[in-house]
Amino acid sequence: MAFLDKLKAGLAKTKHAIFGQIDEVLKAFVKVDEDLLEELEELLIMSDVGVSATEEIMERLRDDVKSGRLKEKEQVIDALKEILEDMIGEGEELKLTSVPSVILVIGVNGAGKTTSIGKISNRLIQKGKKVVVAAADTFRAAAIDQLAVWCERSGAELVKQNEGSDPAAVVFDAIACAKRKQADVLIIDTAGRLHNKVNLMNELAKINRVIERELPESDRENLLVLDATTGQNAILQAKEFRHAANITGLVLNKLDGTAKGGIVISIKKELNIPVKFVGVGEKIDDMQEFDSKEFVQALFE
């Protein structure tokens, strides 16, 4: 199945629950007027697009009406698609030109960090990259074991120590391995203890110091993994993690399990951080680089 088809299937709940209702709203009106726009506004807020993003969308739709660009109700869907694509913006590729480059993966436990690392590793390896993964979430033995399974599936090399080891020491060993093996990419897993933010920030700061000392010229990506099913709570998590790391991109997981796919638009509006990957399933190939046109298309078709 092509990824666009998977994306459409993954966003089916969002489409059915909210965006699919736009057609029903349009059928109830003869022309584009304020009553119609207010109905659309309510639907967008319900879809977890968020109040701020919804306000911008509605302002732009009203501007189109005033300027005469939007006259007929049949034009509403195309106008909405165009606005959403523009607001989300183009996807940004990972910047991984140095050898090795570093991807630091952060996020709360349960958001899908481990599976995301496995899937991203798989995509990079499919493109001919050599990948080393550092199991620096040493707080949970299960995290190390799960990561080992995903590395075996993807073909990435895992560097690990025992549960309770110093995460920065694991990163040091992994950097040495990446240099020795001439790996293209080093992916680092981290603990997701957001409830203990001071420890988390100290741990990430220590890991960063090791990376900066050992790989001062390497390209860096700091990816935050979010669970789409948590809706607006995902944005709160992102705001917290921004205090701990300079986030360069987001990985949005579990879009197939939620009717809150509109969170992508809200995230872009609230945080202005690009979504770089979206996940729509548990299989190793159920993640792909984010494409705004495909995403918006999947919401409406």
C-alpha atoms as a PDB file:
ATOM      1  CA  MET A   1       0.000   0.000   0.000  1.00  0.00           C
ATOM      2  CA  ALA A   2       1.362   3.446  -0.952  1.00  0.00           C
ATOM      3  CA  PHE A   3       2.006   5.726   1.993  1.00  0.00           C
ATOM      4  CA  LEU A   4      -0.637   8.216   0.801  1.00  0.00           C
ATOM      5  CA  ASP A   5      -3.207   5.425   1.030  1.00  0.00           C
ATOM      6  CA  LYS A   6      -1.936   4.576   4.527  1.00  0.00           C
ATOM      7  CA  LEU A   7      -2.153   8.244   5.451  1.00  0.00           C
ATOM      8  CA  LYS A   8      -5.729   8.459   4.166  1.00  0.00           C
ATOM      9  CA  ALA A   9      -6.611   5.351   6.153  1.00  0.00           C
ATOM     10  CA  GLY A  10      -4.777   6.701   9.191  1.00  0.00           C
ATOM     11  CA  LEU A  11      -6.621  10.018   9.045  1.00  0.00           C
ATOM     12  CA  ALA A  12      -9.992   8.357   8.413  1.00  0.00           C
ATOM     13  CA  LYS A  13     -11.170   9.017  11.986  1.00  0.00           C
ATOM     14  CA  THR A  14     -10.299  12.694  11.750  1.00  0.00           C
ATOM     15  CA  LYS A  15     -11.864  12.982   8.316  1.00  0.00           C
ATOM     16  CA  HIS A  16     -15.051  11.181   9.328  1.00  0.00           C
ATOM     17  CA  ALA A  17     -15.438  12.930  12.680  1.00  0.00           C
ATOM     18  CA  ILE A  18     -14.766  16.456  11.568  1.00  0.00           C
ATOM     19  CA  PHE A  19     -13.597  17.284   8.076  1.00  0.00           C
ATOM     20  CA  GLY A  20     -16.101  14.920   6.504  1.00  0.00           C
ATOM     21  CA  GLN A  21     -18.825  16.947   8.188  1.00  0.00           C
ATOM     22  CA  ILE A  22     -17.875  20.031   6.197  1.00  0.00           C
ATOM     23  CA  ASP A  23     -19.722  18.575   3.213  1.00  0.00           C
ATOM     24  CA  GLU A  24     -22.828  18.226   5.376  1.00  0.00           C
ATOM     25  CA  VAL A  25     -22.507  21.816   6.530  1.00  0.00           C
ATOM     26  CA  LEU A  26     -22.163  23.048   2.959  1.00  0.00           C
ATOM     27  CA  LYS A  27     -25.296  21.170   1.912  1.00  0.00           C
ATOM     28  CA  ALA A  28     -27.271  23.032   4.577  1.00  0.00           C
ATOM     29  CA  PHE A  29     -26.438  26.463   3.146  1.00  0.00           C
ATOM     30  CA  VAL A  30     -27.277  28.161  -0.109  1.00  0.00           C
ATOM     31  CA  LYS A  31     -24.449  30.704  -0.073  1.00  0.00           C
ATOM     32  CA  VAL A  32     -21.274  31.609   1.764  1.00  0.00           C
ATOM     33  CA  ASP A  33     -22.387  33.802   4.656  1.00  0.00           C
ATOM     34  CA  GLU A  34     -21.481  34.412   8.291  1.00  0.00           C
ATOM     35  CA  ASP A  35     -23.685  31.565   9.510  1.00  0.00           C
ATOM     36  CA  LEU A  36     -21.842  29.106   7.294  1.00  0.00           C
ATOM     37  CA  LEU A  37     -18.458  30.417   8.448  1.00  0.00           C
ATOM     38  CA  GLU A  38     -19.454  30.082  12.095  1.00  0.00           C
ATOM     39  CA  GLU A  39     -20.421  26.426  11.535  1.00  0.00           C
ATOM     40  CA  LEU A  40     -17.027  25.795   9.940  1.00  0.00           C
ATOM     41  CA  GLU A  41     -15.279  27.524  12.832  1.00  0.00           C
ATOM     42  CA  GLU A  42     -16.932  25.215  15.337  1.00  0.00           C
ATOM     43  CA  LEU A  43     -15.940  22.117  13.361  1.00  0.00           C
ATOM     44  CA  LEU A  44     -12.297  23.200  13.161  1.00  0.00           C
ATOM     45  CA  ILE A  45     -12.031  23.806  16.896  1.00  0.00           C
ATOM     46  CA  MET A  46     -13.584  20.380  17.560  1.00  0.00           C
ATOM     47  CA  SER A  47     -10.935  18.749  15.359  1.00  0.00           C
ATOM     48  CA  ASP A  48      -8.118  19.968  17.644  1.00  0.00           C
ATOM     49  CA  VAL A  49      -6.987  22.531  15.116  1.00  0.00           C
ATOM     50  CA  GLY A  50      -6.908  24.846  18.133  1.00  0.00           C
ATOM     51  CA  VAL A  51      -8.429  28.238  18.814  1.00  0.00           C
ATOM     52  CA  SER A  52      -5.495  30.317  17.584  1.00  0.00           C
ATOM     53  CA  ALA A  53      -5.075  28.399  14.316  1.00  0.00           C
ATOM     54  CA  THR A  54      -8.835  28.362  13.748  1.00  0.00           C
ATOM     55  CA  GLU A  55      -8.988  32.129  14.191  1.00  0.00           C
ATOM     56  CA  GLU A  56      -6.341  32.583  11.493  1.00  0.00           C
ATOM     57  CA  ILE A  57      -8.108  30.184   9.123  1.00  0.00           C
ATOM     58  CA  MET A  58     -11.438  31.960   9.579  1.00  0.00           C
ATOM     59  CA  GLU A  59      -9.866  35.391   9.160  1.00  0.00           C
ATOM     60  CA  ARG A  60      -8.371  34.312   5.853  1.00  0.00           C
ATOM     61  CA  LEU A  61     -11.649  32.779   4.684  1.00  0.00           C
ATOM     62  CA  ARG A  62     -13.480  35.999   5.571  1.00  0.00           C
ATOM     63  CA  ASP A  63     -10.859  38.013   3.669  1.00  0.00           C
ATOM     64  CA  ASP A  64     -11.477  35.786   0.645  1.00  0.00           C
ATOM     65  CA  VAL A  65     -15.206  36.435   0.925  1.00  0.00           C
ATOM     66  CA  LYS A  66     -14.705  40.218   1.218  1.00  0.00           C
ATOM     67  CA  SER A  67     -12.324  40.326  -1.746  1.00  0.00           C
ATOM     68  CA  GLY A  68     -14.690  38.306  -3.913  1.00  0.00           C
ATOM     69  CA  ARG A  69     -12.296  35.371  -4.303  1.00  0.00           C
ATOM     70  CA  LEU A  70     -14.744  33.165  -2.391  1.00  0.00           C
ATOM     71  CA  LYS A  71     -18.299  33.536  -3.675  1.00  0.00           C
ATOM     72  CA  GLU A  72     -19.817  30.087  -4.052  1.00  0.00           C
ATOM     73  CA  LYS A  73     -20.050  27.406  -1.375  1.00  0.00           C
ATOM     74  CA  GLU A  74     -18.509  24.946  -3.842  1.00  0.00           C
ATOM     75  CA  GLN A  75     -15.266  26.955  -3.532  1.00  0.00           C
ATOM     76  CA  VAL A  76     -15.019  26.575   0.233  1.00  0.00           C
ATOM     77  CA  ILE A  77     -13.197  23.220   0.268  1.00  0.00           C
ATOM     78  CA  ASP A  78     -10.509  24.358  -2.189  1.00  0.00           C
ATOM     79  CA  ALA A  79     -10.059  27.628  -0.278  1.00  0.00           C
ATOM     80  CA  LEU A  80      -9.727  25.718   2.994  1.00  0.00           C
ATOM     81  CA  LYS A  81      -7.188  23.283   1.498  1.00  0.00           C
ATOM     82  CA  GLU A  82      -5.089  26.162   0.178  1.00  0.00           C
ATOM     83  CA  ILE A  83      -5.091  27.939   3.548  1.00  0.00           C
ATOM     84  CA  LEU A  84      -4.192  24.773   5.477  1.00  0.00           C
ATOM     85  CA  GLU A  85      -1.333  23.894   3.129  1.00  0.00           C
ATOM     86  CA  ASP A  86       0.031  27.421   3.427  1.00  0.00           C
ATOM     87  CA  MET A  87      -0.249  27.452   7.227  1.00  0.00           C
ATOM     88  CA  ILE A  88       1.435  24.064   7.676  1.00  0.00           C
ATOM     89  CA  GLY A  89       4.162  24.904   5.170  1.00  0.00           C
ATOM     90  CA  GLU A  90       6.489  22.625   3.296  1.00  0.00           C
ATOM     91  CA  GLY A  91       8.049  19.689   5.081  1.00  0.00           C
ATOM     92  CA  GLU A  92      11.719  20.015   5.972  1.00  0.00           C
ATOM     93  CA  GLU A  93      14.159  17.202   5.342  1.00  0.00           C
ATOM     94  CA  LEU A  94      16.593  16.093   8.002  1.00  0.00           C
ATOM     95  CA  LYS A  95      19.925  17.870   7.745  1.00  0.00           C
ATOM     96  CA  LEU A  96      22.349  14.954   7.799  1.00  0.00           C
ATOM     97  CA  THR A  97      25.302  15.923   5.602  1.00  0.00           C
ATOM     98  CA  SER A  98      28.187  15.274   8.016  1.00  0.00           C
ATOM     99  CA  VAL A  99      29.596  11.812   8.798  1.00  0.00           C
ATOM    100  CA  PRO A 100      28.449  11.039  11.335  1.00  0.00           C
ATOM    101  CA  SER A 101      25.371  13.209  11.817  1.00  0.00           C
ATOM    102  CA  VAL A 102      23.446  13.069  15.091  1.00  0.00           C
ATOM    103  CA  ILE A 103      19.725  12.667  15.752  1.00  0.00           C
ATOM    104  CA  LEU A 104      18.756  13.156  19.398  1.00  0.00           C
ATOM    105  CA  VAL A 105      15.276  11.745  20.053  1.00  0.00           C
ATOM    106  CA  ILE A 106      13.267  13.025  23.006  1.00  0.00           C
ATOM    107  CA  GLY A 107       9.676  12.637  24.207  1.00  0.00           C
ATOM    108  CA  VAL A 108       7.603  11.312  27.093  1.00  0.00           C
ATOM    109  CA  ASN A 109       7.406   7.584  27.735  1.00  0.00           C
ATOM    110  CA  GLY A 110       4.575   6.092  25.725  1.00  0.00           C
ATOM    111  CA  ALA A 111       4.724   8.607  22.875  1.00  0.00           C
ATOM    112  CA  GLY A 112       6.418   6.067  20.608  1.00  0.00           C
ATOM    113  CA  LYS A 113      10.087   7.075  20.813  1.00  0.00           C
ATOM    114  CA  THR A 114      11.405   3.535  20.484  1.00  0.00           C
ATOM    115  CA  THR A 115       9.263   2.601  17.492  1.00  0.00           C
ATOM    116  CA  SER A 116      10.044   5.959  15.859  1.00  0.00           C
ATOM    117  CA  ILE A 117      13.783   5.322  16.166  1.00  0.00           C
ATOM    118  CA  GLY A 118      13.321   1.886  14.583  1.00  0.00           C
ATOM    119  CA  LYS A 119      11.257   3.288  11.710  1.00  0.00           C
ATOM    120  CA  ILE A 120      13.568   6.252  11.070  1.00  0.00           C
ATOM    121  CA  SER A 121      16.573   3.913  11.180  1.00  0.00           C
ATOM    122  CA  ASN A 122      14.864   1.688   8.650  1.00  0.00           C
ATOM    123  CA  ARG A 123      14.181   4.622   6.280  1.00  0.00           C
ATOM    124  CA  LEU A 124      17.798   5.807   6.512  1.00  0.00           C
ATOM    125  CA  ILE A 125      19.186   2.307   5.970  1.00  0.00           C
ATOM    126  CA  GLN A 126      16.896   1.835   2.969  1.00  0.00           C
ATOM    127  CA  LYS A 127      18.549   4.956   1.531  1.00  0.00           C
ATOM    128  CA  GLY A 128      21.985   3.370   1.949  1.00  0.00           C
ATOM    129  CA  LYS A 129      22.967   4.989   5.247  1.00  0.00           C
ATOM    130  CA  LYS A 130      24.861   3.174   7.999  1.00  0.00           C
ATOM    131  CA  VAL A 131      23.118   3.783  11.328  1.00  0.00           C
ATOM    132  CA  VAL A 132      24.254   3.377  14.939  1.00  0.00           C
ATOM    133  CA  VAL A 133      21.711   3.713  17.761  1.00  0.00           C
ATOM    134  CA  ALA A 134      22.563   4.661  21.350  1.00  0.00           C
ATOM    135  CA  ALA A 135      20.277   3.220  24.050  1.00  0.00           C
ATOM    136  CA  ALA A 136      20.641   6.212  26.375  1.00  0.00           C
ATOM    137  CA  ASP A 137      17.266   5.713  28.046  1.00  0.00           C
ATOM    138  CA  THR A 138      18.868   3.648  30.786  1.00  0.00           C
ATOM    139  CA  PHE A 139      16.107   4.437  33.275  1.00  0.00           C
ATOM    140  CA  ARG A 140      14.003   1.496  32.057  1.00  0.00           C
ATOM    141  CA  ALA A 141      15.350  -1.930  31.124  1.00  0.00           C
ATOM    142  CA  ALA A 142      12.306  -2.394  28.893  1.00  0.00           C
ATOM    143  CA  ALA A 143      13.357   0.604  26.798  1.00  0.00           C
ATOM    144  CA  ILE A 144      16.733  -1.007  26.057  1.00  0.00           C
ATOM    145  CA  ASP A 145      15.139  -4.363  25.223  1.00  0.00           C
ATOM    146  CA  GLN A 146      12.528  -2.792  22.927  1.00  0.00           C
ATOM    147  CA  LEU A 147      15.179  -0.753  21.157  1.00  0.00           C
ATOM    148  CA  ALA A 148      17.225  -3.900  20.571  1.00  0.00           C
ATOM    149  CA  VAL A 149      14.231  -5.516  18.837  1.00  0.00           C
ATOM    150  CA  TRP A 150      13.679  -2.505  16.565  1.00  0.00           C
ATOM    151  CA  CYS A 151      17.392  -2.255  15.716  1.00  0.00           C
ATOM    152  CA  GLU A 152      17.379  -5.909  14.727  1.00  0.00           C
ATOM    153  CA  ARG A 153      14.366  -5.299  12.474  1.00  0.00           C
ATOM    154  CA  SER A 154      15.878  -2.241  10.822  1.00  0.00           C
ATOM    155  CA  GLY A 155      19.481  -3.422  10.605  1.00  0.00           C
ATOM    156  CA  ALA A 156      20.911  -0.641  12.784  1.00  0.00           C
ATOM    157  CA  GLU A 157      23.763  -1.333  15.213  1.00  0.00           C
ATOM    158  CA  LEU A 158      22.838  -0.862  18.877  1.00  0.00           C
ATOM    159  CA  VAL A 159      25.200   0.427  21.565  1.00  0.00           C
ATOM    160  CA  LYS A 160      23.911  -0.213  25.063  1.00  0.00           C
ATOM    161  CA  GLN A 161      24.891  -0.647  28.701  1.00  0.00           C
ATOM    162  CA  ASN A 162      23.023  -2.017  31.696  1.00  0.00           C
ATOM    163  CA  GLU A 163      19.919  -0.467  33.201  1.00  0.00           C
ATOM    164  CA  GLY A 164      20.856   2.437  35.473  1.00  0.00           C
ATOM    165  CA  SER A 165      24.067   3.257  33.597  1.00  0.00           C
ATOM    166  CA  ASP A 166      25.039   6.865  32.967  1.00  0.00           C
ATOM    167  CA  PRO A 167      23.252   7.921  29.728  1.00  0.00           C
ATOM    168  CA  ALA A 168      26.139  10.216  28.778  1.00  0.00           C
ATOM    169  CA  ALA A 169      28.541   7.247  29.042  1.00  0.00           C
ATOM    170  CA  VAL A 170      26.352   5.293  26.606  1.00  0.00           C
ATOM    171  CA  VAL A 171      26.440   8.246  24.209  1.00  0.00           C
ATOM    172  CA  PHE A 172      30.237   8.447  24.524  1.00  0.00           C
ATOM    173  CA  ASP A 173      30.541   4.751  23.628  1.00  0.00           C
ATOM    174  CA  ALA A 174      28.090   5.121  20.744  1.00  0.00           C
ATOM    175  CA  ILE A 175      30.020   8.069  19.299  1.00  0.00           C
ATOM    176  CA  ALA A 176      33.222   6.010  19.441  1.00  0.00           C
ATOM    177  CA  CYS A 177      31.410   3.157  17.664  1.00  0.00           C
ATOM    178  CA  ALA A 178      29.993   5.510  15.007  1.00  0.00           C
ATOM    179  CA  LYS A 179      33.468   6.909  14.324  1.00  0.00           C
ATOM    180  CA  ARG A 180      35.032   3.457  14.223  1.00  0.00           C
ATOM    181  CA  LYS A 181      32.378   2.034  11.894  1.00  0.00           C
ATOM    182  CA  GLN A 182      32.243   5.256   9.829  1.00  0.00           C
ATOM    183  CA  ALA A 183      28.495   5.389  10.389  1.00  0.00           C
ATOM    184  CA  ASP A 184      26.503   8.046   8.555  1.00  0.00           C
ATOM    185  CA  VAL A 185      24.019   8.665  11.364  1.00  0.00           C
ATOM    186  CA  LEU A 186      24.029   8.247  15.131  1.00  0.00           C
ATOM    187  CA  ILE A 187      20.537   8.146  16.666  1.00  0.00           C
ATOM    188  CA  ILE A 188      20.325   8.671  20.428  1.00  0.00           C
ATOM    189  CA  ASP A 189      17.356   7.554  22.522  1.00  0.00           C
ATOM    190  CA  THR A 190      16.736   9.465  25.759  1.00  0.00           C
ATOM    191  CA  ALA A 191      14.615   9.063  28.871  1.00  0.00           C
ATOM    192  CA  GLY A 192      11.140  10.593  28.859  1.00  0.00           C
ATOM    193  CA  ARG A 193      10.670  11.588  32.462  1.00  0.00           C
ATOM    194  CA  LEU A 194       8.902  14.894  31.919  1.00  0.00           C
ATOM    195  CA  HIS A 195       7.406  14.760  35.428  1.00  0.00           C
ATOM    196  CA  ASN A 196      10.935  15.165  36.783  1.00  0.00           C
ATOM    197  CA  LYS A 197      11.982  18.028  34.546  1.00  0.00           C
ATOM    198  CA  VAL A 198      15.103  19.059  36.477  1.00  0.00           C
ATOM    199  CA  ASN A 199      16.651  15.581  36.154  1.00  0.00           C
ATOM    200  CA  LEU A 200      15.633  15.409  32.502  1.00  0.00           C
ATOM    201  CA  MET A 201      17.203  18.771  31.665  1.00  0.00           C
ATOM    202  CA  ASN A 202      20.405  17.908  33.539  1.00  0.00           C
ATOM    203  CA  GLU A 203      20.618  14.578  31.739  1.00  0.00           C
ATOM    204  CA  LEU A 204      20.089  16.147  28.303  1.00  0.00           C
ATOM    205  CA  ALA A 205      22.605  18.890  29.080  1.00  0.00           C
ATOM    206  CA  LYS A 206      25.211  16.263  29.981  1.00  0.00           C
ATOM    207  CA  ILE A 207      24.498  14.309  26.766  1.00  0.00           C
ATOM    208  CA  ASN A 208      24.786  17.531  24.764  1.00  0.00           C
ATOM    209  CA  ARG A 209      28.167  18.305  26.302  1.00  0.00           C
ATOM    210  CA  VAL A 210      29.474  14.877  25.255  1.00  0.00           C
ATOM    211  CA  ILE A 211      28.190  15.324  21.692  1.00  0.00           C
ATOM    212  CA  GLU A 212      29.619  18.847  21.393  1.00  0.00           C
ATOM    213  CA  ARG A 213      32.991  17.708  22.726  1.00  0.00           C
ATOM    214  CA  GLU A 214      33.299  14.532  20.648  1.00  0.00           C
ATOM    215  CA  LEU A 215      31.481  15.618  17.452  1.00  0.00           C
ATOM    216  CA  PRO A 216      31.792  19.415  17.365  1.00  0.00           C
ATOM    217  CA  GLU A 217      31.334  19.687  13.589  1.00  0.00           C
ATOM    218  CA  SER A 218      28.482  17.201  13.183  1.00  0.00           C
ATOM    219  CA  ASP A 219      25.028  18.093  11.909  1.00  0.00           C
ATOM    220  CA  ARG A 220      22.412  17.856  14.654  1.00  0.00           C
ATOM    221  CA  GLU A 221      18.701  17.125  14.660  1.00  0.00           C
ATOM    222  CA  ASN A 222      16.750  17.178  17.922  1.00  0.00           C
ATOM    223  CA  LEU A 223      13.474  15.400  17.222  1.00  0.00           C
ATOM    224  CA  LEU A 224      10.568  15.502  19.661  1.00  0.00           C
ATOM    225  CA  VAL A 225       8.201  12.529  19.419  1.00  0.00           C
ATOM    226  CA  LEU A 226       4.552  13.339  20.154  1.00  0.00           C
ATOM    227  CA  ASP A 227       1.488  11.113  20.469  1.00  0.00           C
ATOM    228  CA  ALA A 228      -1.270  12.591  18.273  1.00  0.00           C
ATOM    229  CA  THR A 229      -3.971  10.917  20.354  1.00  0.00           C
ATOM    230  CA  THR A 230      -3.215  13.293  23.231  1.00  0.00           C
ATOM    231  CA  GLY A 231      -4.418  16.289  21.189  1.00  0.00           C
ATOM    232  CA  GLN A 232      -3.678  19.678  22.726  1.00  0.00           C
ATOM    233  CA  ASN A 233      -1.685  18.006  25.504  1.00  0.00           C
ATOM    234  CA  ALA A 234       0.968  17.243  22.881  1.00  0.00           C
ATOM    235  CA  ILE A 235       1.506  20.989  22.469  1.00  0.00           C
ATOM    236  CA  LEU A 236       1.951  21.413  26.228  1.00  0.00           C
ATOM    237  CA  GLN A 237       4.571  18.643  26.170  1.00  0.00           C
ATOM    238  CA  ALA A 238       6.385  20.333  23.292  1.00  0.00           C
ATOM    239  CA  LYS A 239       6.500  23.628  25.171  1.00  0.00           C
ATOM    240  CA  GLU A 240       8.008  21.864  28.201  1.00  0.00           C
ATOM    241  CA  PHE A 241      10.615  20.003  26.173  1.00  0.00           C
ATOM    242  CA  ARG A 242      11.681  23.212  24.435  1.00  0.00           C
ATOM    243  CA  HIS A 243      13.142  24.250  27.785  1.00  0.00           C
ATOM    244  CA  ALA A 244      15.347  21.155  27.723  1.00  0.00           C
ATOM    245  CA  ALA A 245      16.443  21.064  24.089  1.00  0.00           C
ATOM    246  CA  ASN A 246      16.534  23.110  20.912  1.00  0.00           C
ATOM    247  CA  ILE A 247      13.896  21.121  19.016  1.00  0.00           C
ATOM    248  CA  THR A 248      14.519  21.096  15.258  1.00  0.00           C
ATOM    249  CA  GLY A 249      11.582  18.911  14.257  1.00  0.00           C
ATOM    250  CA  LEU A 250       8.620  16.854  15.396  1.00  0.00           C
ATOM    251  CA  VAL A 251       7.654  13.227  14.894  1.00  0.00           C
ATOM    252  CA  LEU A 252       3.884  12.866  15.135  1.00  0.00           C
ATOM    253  CA  ASN A 253       2.829   9.313  15.999  1.00  0.00           C
ATOM    254  CA  LYS A 254      -0.436   7.371  16.158  1.00  0.00           C
ATOM    255  CA  LEU A 255      -2.386   9.487  13.685  1.00  0.00           C
ATOM    256  CA  ASP A 256      -4.260   6.296  12.820  1.00  0.00           C
ATOM    257  CA  GLY A 257      -5.635   6.034  16.354  1.00  0.00           C
ATOM    258  CA  THR A 258      -7.220   9.451  16.708  1.00  0.00           C
ATOM    259  CA  ALA A 259      -9.856  11.837  15.387  1.00  0.00           C
ATOM    260  CA  LYS A 260      -7.511  14.680  16.369  1.00  0.00           C
ATOM    261  CA  GLY A 261      -5.415  14.870  13.191  1.00  0.00           C
ATOM    262  CA  GLY A 262      -6.000  18.627  13.160  1.00  0.00           C
ATOM    263  CA  ILE A 263      -3.311  18.838  15.841  1.00  0.00           C
ATOM    264  CA  VAL A 264      -0.728  19.146  13.015  1.00  0.00           C
ATOM    265  CA  ILE A 265      -2.116  22.581  12.125  1.00  0.00           C
ATOM    266  CA  SER A 266      -2.290  23.649  15.759  1.00  0.00           C
ATOM    267  CA  ILE A 267       1.311  22.550  16.395  1.00  0.00           C
ATOM    268  CA  LYS A 268       2.609  24.583  13.477  1.00  0.00           C
ATOM    269  CA  LYS A 269       0.673  27.663  14.570  1.00  0.00           C
ATOM    270  CA  GLU A 270       1.566  27.435  18.261  1.00  0.00           C
ATOM    271  CA  LEU A 271       5.191  26.289  18.054  1.00  0.00           C
ATOM    272  CA  ASN A 272       6.441  27.022  14.527  1.00  0.00           C
ATOM    273  CA  ILE A 273       8.424  23.779  14.629  1.00  0.00           C
ATOM    274  CA  PRO A 274       8.266  21.662  11.450  1.00  0.00           C
ATOM    275  CA  VAL A 275       6.684  18.216  11.524  1.00  0.00           C
ATOM    276  CA  LYS A 276       9.354  16.031   9.916  1.00  0.00           C
ATOM    277  CA  PHE A 277       7.795  12.570  10.223  1.00  0.00           C
ATOM    278  CA  VAL A 278       4.297  11.156  10.651  1.00  0.00           C
ATOM    279  CA  GLY A 279       3.445   7.642  11.787  1.00  0.00           C
ATOM    280  CA  VAL A 280       0.228   5.854  10.893  1.00  0.00           C
ATOM    281  CA  GLY A 281       0.748   2.307  12.119  1.00  0.00           C
ATOM    282  CA  GLU A 282       2.933  -0.194  13.933  1.00  0.00           C
ATOM    283  CA  LYS A 283       4.805  -1.697  10.964  1.00  0.00           C
ATOM    284  CA  ILE A 284       8.372  -0.679  10.278  1.00  0.00           C
ATOM    285  CA  ASP A 285       7.417   1.140   7.064  1.00  0.00           C
ATOM    286  CA  ASP A 286       4.422   2.976   8.592  1.00  0.00           C
ATOM    287  CA  MET A 287       6.333   6.236   8.959  1.00  0.00           C
ATOM    288  CA  GLN A 288       7.336   8.752   6.337  1.00  0.00           C
ATOM    289  CA  GLU A 289       8.650  12.256   5.865  1.00  0.00           C
ATOM    290  CA  PHE A 290       5.841  14.757   6.324  1.00  0.00           C
ATOM    291  CA  ASP A 291       4.260  16.227   3.186  1.00  0.00           C
ATOM    292  CA  SER A 292       1.717  19.003   3.799  1.00  0.00           C
ATOM    293  CA  LYS A 293      -0.044  18.550   0.456  1.00  0.00           C
ATOM    294  CA  GLU A 294      -0.490  14.817   1.052  1.00  0.00           C
ATOM    295  CA  PHE A 295      -1.641  15.479   4.604  1.00  0.00           C
ATOM    296  CA  VAL A 296      -4.305  18.003   3.603  1.00  0.00           C
ATOM    297  CA  GLN A 297      -5.357  15.799   0.679  1.00  0.00           C
ATOM    298  CA  ALA A 298      -5.827  12.873   3.050  1.00  0.00           C
ATOM    299  CA  LEU A 299      -8.032  14.995   5.337  1.00  0.00           C
ATOM    300  CA  PHE A 300     -10.545  15.693   2.590  1.00  0.00           C
ATOM    301  CA  GLU A 301     -10.455  12.672   0.237  1.00  0.00           C
END
